[in-house]
Each structure stands twice: as C-alpha cells, then as structure tokens.
Amino acid sequence: MADTDTRTAAPVDDARRVRAVKALGRVASCLSVLMYVSYIPQIANNLAGNYGSPVQPFVAMVNCVFWTAYGLLERPRDMPIVVANIPGIVLGCVTFLTALH
C-alpha cells in the first residue's frame, strides 16, 4: 500500500523546497547588505558634524559579530549568514565611531 501521509515529502517537493529556501536566503542576504549600506548617509552626516546616536549602530555591529561567529562555527559553515553580516560589522563600527563627538 502506498504511503499517503502528507507529512512525508516526495523527492520533487523536497527539491522544490530546497530551491525555495536557497532563493529566500539569497534575497535575505541581499536585503541585509542593503540595510547596512544605508549607514553610509549617516556616516557622511556624522563626518559633516550632524551627529546621530551611536547606540543603534553599536548594537547592530555587536549583533553582526555574533551572527558572523555563528555562521563560521556552524558545520557546514553558513556562508550566507557570514556574507550578510560582514558589512554590518564594518559599517556599524564606522557609523558608531563617527557618531562619537
């Protein structure tokens, strides 16, 4: 008798799910990088003397350090998480430092 349990995925459905998850990961990684690139105008404002708060970029930087460490320590390494968070470390740090006055 054939297995009709809907909780058991057919190979085609599983392959489709894997492709969808990979695509979702790529989109999420791109959006994460864009989020941290958005710090660039704040950095420019900070350098022009219009200082923003250093709290949010500092917390974002620390968060990105932890996610990057997680991605590097995970086996196999979770490189989309690492790639998505490295700009947050760099740009969060620069934004934090330039916001100090």
N, C-alpha and C. Protein backbone atom coordinates (compact mmCIF):
# COMPACT_ATOMS: atom_id res chain seq x y z
N MET A 1 0.85 -1.18 0.00
CA MET A 1 0.00 0.00 0.00
C MET A 1 0.89 1.24 0.00
N ALA A 2 0.56 2.23 -0.79
CA ALA A 2 1.35 3.45 -0.91
C ALA A 2 1.18 4.31 0.34
N ASP A 3 2.26 4.98 0.65
CA ASP A 3 2.24 5.90 1.81
C ASP A 3 1.52 7.18 1.39
N THR A 4 0.42 7.49 2.06
CA THR A 4 -0.36 8.68 1.72
C THR A 4 -0.23 9.76 2.78
N ASP A 5 0.70 9.60 3.71
CA ASP A 5 0.90 10.58 4.78
C ASP A 5 1.42 11.88 4.16
N THR A 6 0.68 12.97 4.35
CA THR A 6 1.08 14.25 3.75
C THR A 6 2.30 14.85 4.43
N ARG A 7 2.69 14.33 5.58
CA ARG A 7 3.88 14.85 6.26
C ARG A 7 5.15 14.35 5.61
N THR A 8 5.07 13.32 4.79
CA THR A 8 6.23 12.77 4.10
C THR A 8 6.33 13.45 2.74
N ALA A 9 7.43 14.17 2.52
CA ALA A 9 7.60 14.92 1.28
C ALA A 9 8.12 14.00 0.19
N ALA A 10 7.57 14.15 -1.00
CA ALA A 10 8.07 13.45 -2.16
C ALA A 10 9.39 14.09 -2.57
N PRO A 11 10.27 13.35 -3.25
CA PRO A 11 11.57 13.92 -3.65
C PRO A 11 11.44 15.22 -4.46
N VAL A 12 10.44 15.30 -5.33
CA VAL A 12 10.25 16.51 -6.12
C VAL A 12 9.89 17.69 -5.22
N ASP A 13 8.98 17.45 -4.28
CA ASP A 13 8.58 18.52 -3.36
C ASP A 13 9.75 18.95 -2.49
N ASP A 14 10.58 18.01 -2.07
CA ASP A 14 11.74 18.34 -1.24
C ASP A 14 12.74 19.17 -2.04
N ALA A 15 12.96 18.82 -3.28
CA ALA A 15 13.89 19.59 -4.13
C ALA A 15 13.36 21.00 -4.35
N ARG A 16 12.07 21.13 -4.53
CA ARG A 16 11.46 22.45 -4.70
C ARG A 16 11.62 23.28 -3.43
N ARG A 17 11.43 22.66 -2.28
CA ARG A 17 11.59 23.35 -1.00
C ARG A 17 13.02 23.81 -0.82
N VAL A 18 13.99 22.98 -1.15
CA VAL A 18 15.41 23.34 -1.02
C VAL A 18 15.73 24.53 -1.91
N ARG A 19 15.24 24.53 -3.15
CA ARG A 19 15.47 25.66 -4.06
C ARG A 19 14.83 26.93 -3.51
N ALA A 20 13.63 26.81 -2.97
CA ALA A 20 12.93 27.98 -2.42
C ALA A 20 13.68 28.54 -1.21
N VAL A 21 14.17 27.67 -0.36
CA VAL A 21 14.90 28.12 0.83
C VAL A 21 16.21 28.80 0.41
N LYS A 22 16.90 28.23 -0.57
CA LYS A 22 18.14 28.86 -1.05
C LYS A 22 17.86 30.23 -1.65
N ALA A 23 16.78 30.36 -2.43
CA ALA A 23 16.42 31.64 -3.02
C ALA A 23 16.07 32.64 -1.91
N LEU A 24 15.33 32.20 -0.92
CA LEU A 24 14.98 33.06 0.21
C LEU A 24 16.23 33.53 0.93
N GLY A 25 17.19 32.64 1.12
CA GLY A 25 18.45 33.01 1.76
C GLY A 25 19.22 34.05 0.97
N ARG A 26 19.23 33.91 -0.35
CA ARG A 26 19.93 34.90 -1.19
C ARG A 26 19.27 36.27 -1.10
N VAL A 27 17.95 36.29 -1.17
CA VAL A 27 17.22 37.56 -1.08
C VAL A 27 17.45 38.20 0.30
N ALA A 28 17.36 37.39 1.35
CA ALA A 28 17.57 37.90 2.71
C ALA A 28 19.00 38.44 2.87
N SER A 29 19.97 37.76 2.31
CA SER A 29 21.36 38.23 2.39
C SER A 29 21.51 39.58 1.68
N CYS A 30 20.92 39.71 0.49
CA CYS A 30 20.99 40.99 -0.24
C CYS A 30 20.32 42.11 0.54
N LEU A 31 19.16 41.83 1.13
CA LEU A 31 18.47 42.85 1.91
C LEU A 31 19.27 43.24 3.15
N SER A 32 19.94 42.29 3.76
CA SER A 32 20.77 42.58 4.92
C SER A 32 21.92 43.51 4.54
N VAL A 33 22.58 43.22 3.43
CA VAL A 33 23.67 44.07 2.98
C VAL A 33 23.15 45.47 2.67
N LEU A 34 22.01 45.58 2.01
CA LEU A 34 21.42 46.89 1.72
C LEU A 34 21.10 47.65 3.00
N MET A 35 20.63 46.94 4.02
CA MET A 35 20.32 47.58 5.29
C MET A 35 21.57 48.24 5.88
N TYR A 36 22.69 47.56 5.83
CA TYR A 36 23.91 48.11 6.41
C TYR A 36 24.54 49.17 5.51
N VAL A 37 24.37 49.05 4.21
CA VAL A 37 24.87 50.08 3.29
C VAL A 37 24.11 51.39 3.55
N SER A 38 22.89 51.29 4.06
CA SER A 38 22.12 52.50 4.35
C SER A 38 22.76 53.34 5.46
N TYR A 39 23.77 52.82 6.14
CA TYR A 39 24.51 53.62 7.13
C TYR A 39 25.38 54.69 6.46
N ILE A 40 25.68 54.54 5.21
CA ILE A 40 26.61 55.46 4.55
C ILE A 40 26.15 56.92 4.64
N PRO A 41 24.86 57.24 4.41
CA PRO A 41 24.45 58.64 4.59
C PRO A 41 24.63 59.14 6.02
N GLN A 42 24.41 58.27 7.01
CA GLN A 42 24.61 58.67 8.41
C GLN A 42 26.09 58.92 8.68
N ILE A 43 26.95 58.12 8.10
CA ILE A 43 28.39 58.34 8.26
C ILE A 43 28.76 59.70 7.68
N ALA A 44 28.23 60.00 6.49
CA ALA A 44 28.51 61.30 5.86
C ALA A 44 28.00 62.44 6.74
N ASN A 45 26.80 62.29 7.30
CA ASN A 45 26.26 63.31 8.21
C ASN A 45 27.13 63.46 9.45
N ASN A 46 27.57 62.34 10.01
CA ASN A 46 28.43 62.39 11.19
C ASN A 46 29.72 63.15 10.89
N LEU A 47 30.31 62.84 9.74
CA LEU A 47 31.57 63.50 9.37
C LEU A 47 31.37 64.99 9.08
N ALA A 48 30.12 65.36 8.70
CA ALA A 48 29.81 66.77 8.44
C ALA A 48 29.44 67.51 9.72
N GLY A 49 29.44 66.82 10.85
CA GLY A 49 29.12 67.46 12.12
C GLY A 49 27.68 67.32 12.57
N ASN A 50 26.83 66.63 11.79
CA ASN A 50 25.44 66.37 12.16
C ASN A 50 25.36 64.96 12.76
N TYR A 51 25.78 64.84 14.00
CA TYR A 51 25.96 63.54 14.64
C TYR A 51 24.63 62.84 14.93
N GLY A 52 24.60 61.57 14.65
CA GLY A 52 23.48 60.73 15.03
C GLY A 52 23.83 59.96 16.29
N SER A 53 22.89 59.23 16.81
CA SER A 53 23.12 58.43 18.01
C SER A 53 24.06 57.26 17.69
N PRO A 54 25.06 57.02 18.56
CA PRO A 54 25.95 55.89 18.33
C PRO A 54 25.40 54.56 18.83
N VAL A 55 24.28 54.57 19.54
CA VAL A 55 23.78 53.36 20.19
C VAL A 55 23.33 52.30 19.17
N GLN A 56 22.48 52.67 18.24
CA GLN A 56 21.93 51.70 17.29
C GLN A 56 23.03 51.06 16.43
N PRO A 57 23.95 51.82 15.84
CA PRO A 57 24.99 51.16 15.05
C PRO A 57 25.92 50.28 15.89
N PHE A 58 26.14 50.66 17.15
CA PHE A 58 26.98 49.81 18.02
C PHE A 58 26.29 48.48 18.28
N VAL A 59 25.01 48.53 18.60
CA VAL A 59 24.26 47.29 18.87
C VAL A 59 24.17 46.44 17.60
N ALA A 60 23.96 47.08 16.45
CA ALA A 60 23.92 46.35 15.18
C ALA A 60 25.26 45.68 14.91
N MET A 61 26.36 46.38 15.19
CA MET A 61 27.69 45.81 14.98
C MET A 61 27.90 44.59 15.86
N VAL A 62 27.56 44.69 17.14
CA VAL A 62 27.72 43.55 18.05
C VAL A 62 26.85 42.38 17.59
N ASN A 63 25.62 42.66 17.18
CA ASN A 63 24.73 41.62 16.68
C ASN A 63 25.35 40.91 15.47
N CYS A 64 25.93 41.69 14.57
CA CYS A 64 26.56 41.11 13.38
C CYS A 64 27.79 40.28 13.72
N VAL A 65 28.55 40.70 14.74
CA VAL A 65 29.70 39.91 15.18
C VAL A 65 29.23 38.53 15.64
N PHE A 66 28.16 38.49 16.42
CA PHE A 66 27.65 37.21 16.92
C PHE A 66 27.11 36.34 15.79
N TRP A 67 26.36 36.94 14.84
CA TRP A 67 25.84 36.15 13.73
C TRP A 67 26.96 35.64 12.83
N THR A 68 28.00 36.46 12.63
CA THR A 68 29.13 36.02 11.82
C THR A 68 29.86 34.86 12.51
N ALA A 69 30.07 34.98 13.81
CA ALA A 69 30.70 33.88 14.55
C ALA A 69 29.86 32.62 14.45
N TYR A 70 28.55 32.76 14.60
CA TYR A 70 27.66 31.60 14.47
C TYR A 70 27.82 30.95 13.09
N GLY A 71 27.78 31.78 12.04
CA GLY A 71 27.89 31.24 10.69
C GLY A 71 29.20 30.55 10.43
N LEU A 72 30.29 31.06 11.03
CA LEU A 72 31.61 30.45 10.84
C LEU A 72 31.78 29.18 11.66
N LEU A 73 31.15 29.12 12.81
CA LEU A 73 31.29 27.96 13.69
C LEU A 73 30.34 26.83 13.34
N GLU A 74 29.24 27.14 12.63
CA GLU A 74 28.28 26.13 12.22
C GLU A 74 28.95 25.17 11.24
N ARG A 75 28.59 23.90 11.30
CA ARG A 75 29.12 22.91 10.37
C ARG A 75 27.99 22.29 9.59
N PRO A 76 27.94 22.39 8.28
CA PRO A 76 28.87 23.16 7.47
C PRO A 76 28.68 24.65 7.69
N ARG A 77 29.70 25.41 7.37
CA ARG A 77 29.62 26.87 7.58
C ARG A 77 28.41 27.44 6.85
N ASP A 78 27.78 28.39 7.50
CA ASP A 78 26.60 29.04 6.92
C ASP A 78 27.05 30.36 6.30
N MET A 79 27.60 30.27 5.10
CA MET A 79 28.21 31.42 4.45
C MET A 79 27.23 32.55 4.10
N PRO A 80 25.97 32.28 3.76
CA PRO A 80 25.06 33.41 3.54
C PRO A 80 24.93 34.29 4.78
N ILE A 81 24.92 33.69 5.96
CA ILE A 81 24.83 34.48 7.19
C ILE A 81 26.11 35.29 7.37
N VAL A 82 27.25 34.68 7.10
CA VAL A 82 28.53 35.39 7.24
C VAL A 82 28.60 36.56 6.27
N VAL A 83 28.31 36.31 5.01
CA VAL A 83 28.40 37.35 3.98
C VAL A 83 27.42 38.49 4.26
N ALA A 84 26.24 38.15 4.75
CA ALA A 84 25.22 39.17 5.03
C ALA A 84 25.60 40.05 6.22
N ASN A 85 26.40 39.53 7.14
CA ASN A 85 26.68 40.28 8.36
C ASN A 85 28.03 41.00 8.38
N ILE A 86 28.95 40.66 7.51
CA ILE A 86 30.24 41.35 7.47
C ILE A 86 30.09 42.84 7.18
N PRO A 87 29.23 43.25 6.21
CA PRO A 87 29.05 44.70 6.03
C PRO A 87 28.49 45.38 7.28
N GLY A 88 27.68 44.68 8.04
CA GLY A 88 27.14 45.24 9.28
C GLY A 88 28.21 45.49 10.32
N ILE A 89 29.20 44.60 10.37
CA ILE A 89 30.32 44.80 11.31
C ILE A 89 31.10 46.05 10.91
N VAL A 90 31.48 46.11 9.64
CA VAL A 90 32.32 47.21 9.16
C VAL A 90 31.57 48.54 9.22
N LEU A 91 30.39 48.59 8.60
CA LEU A 91 29.67 49.86 8.53
C LEU A 91 29.07 50.26 9.88
N GLY A 92 28.66 49.28 10.70
CA GLY A 92 28.19 49.60 12.05
C GLY A 92 29.30 50.21 12.88
N CYS A 93 30.51 49.64 12.76
CA CYS A 93 31.65 50.17 13.50
C CYS A 93 32.00 51.58 13.04
N VAL A 94 32.05 51.80 11.72
CA VAL A 94 32.38 53.13 11.20
C VAL A 94 31.32 54.14 11.62
N THR A 95 30.03 53.76 11.54
CA THR A 95 28.96 54.67 11.93
C THR A 95 29.05 54.99 13.41
N PHE A 96 29.31 53.97 14.24
CA PHE A 96 29.46 54.18 15.67
C PHE A 96 30.61 55.15 15.96
N LEU A 97 31.77 54.89 15.37
CA LEU A 97 32.94 55.73 15.65
C LEU A 97 32.76 57.17 15.17
N THR A 98 32.12 57.33 14.00
CA THR A 98 31.94 58.70 13.51
C THR A 98 30.82 59.43 14.25
N ALA A 99 29.95 58.71 14.96
CA ALA A 99 28.87 59.35 15.72
C ALA A 99 29.36 59.86 17.08
N LEU A 100 30.54 59.40 17.49
CA LEU A 100 31.08 59.87 18.78
C LEU A 100 31.59 61.29 18.60
N HIS A 101 31.21 62.16 19.49
CA HIS A 101 31.68 63.56 19.39
C HIS A 101 32.05 64.07 20.74
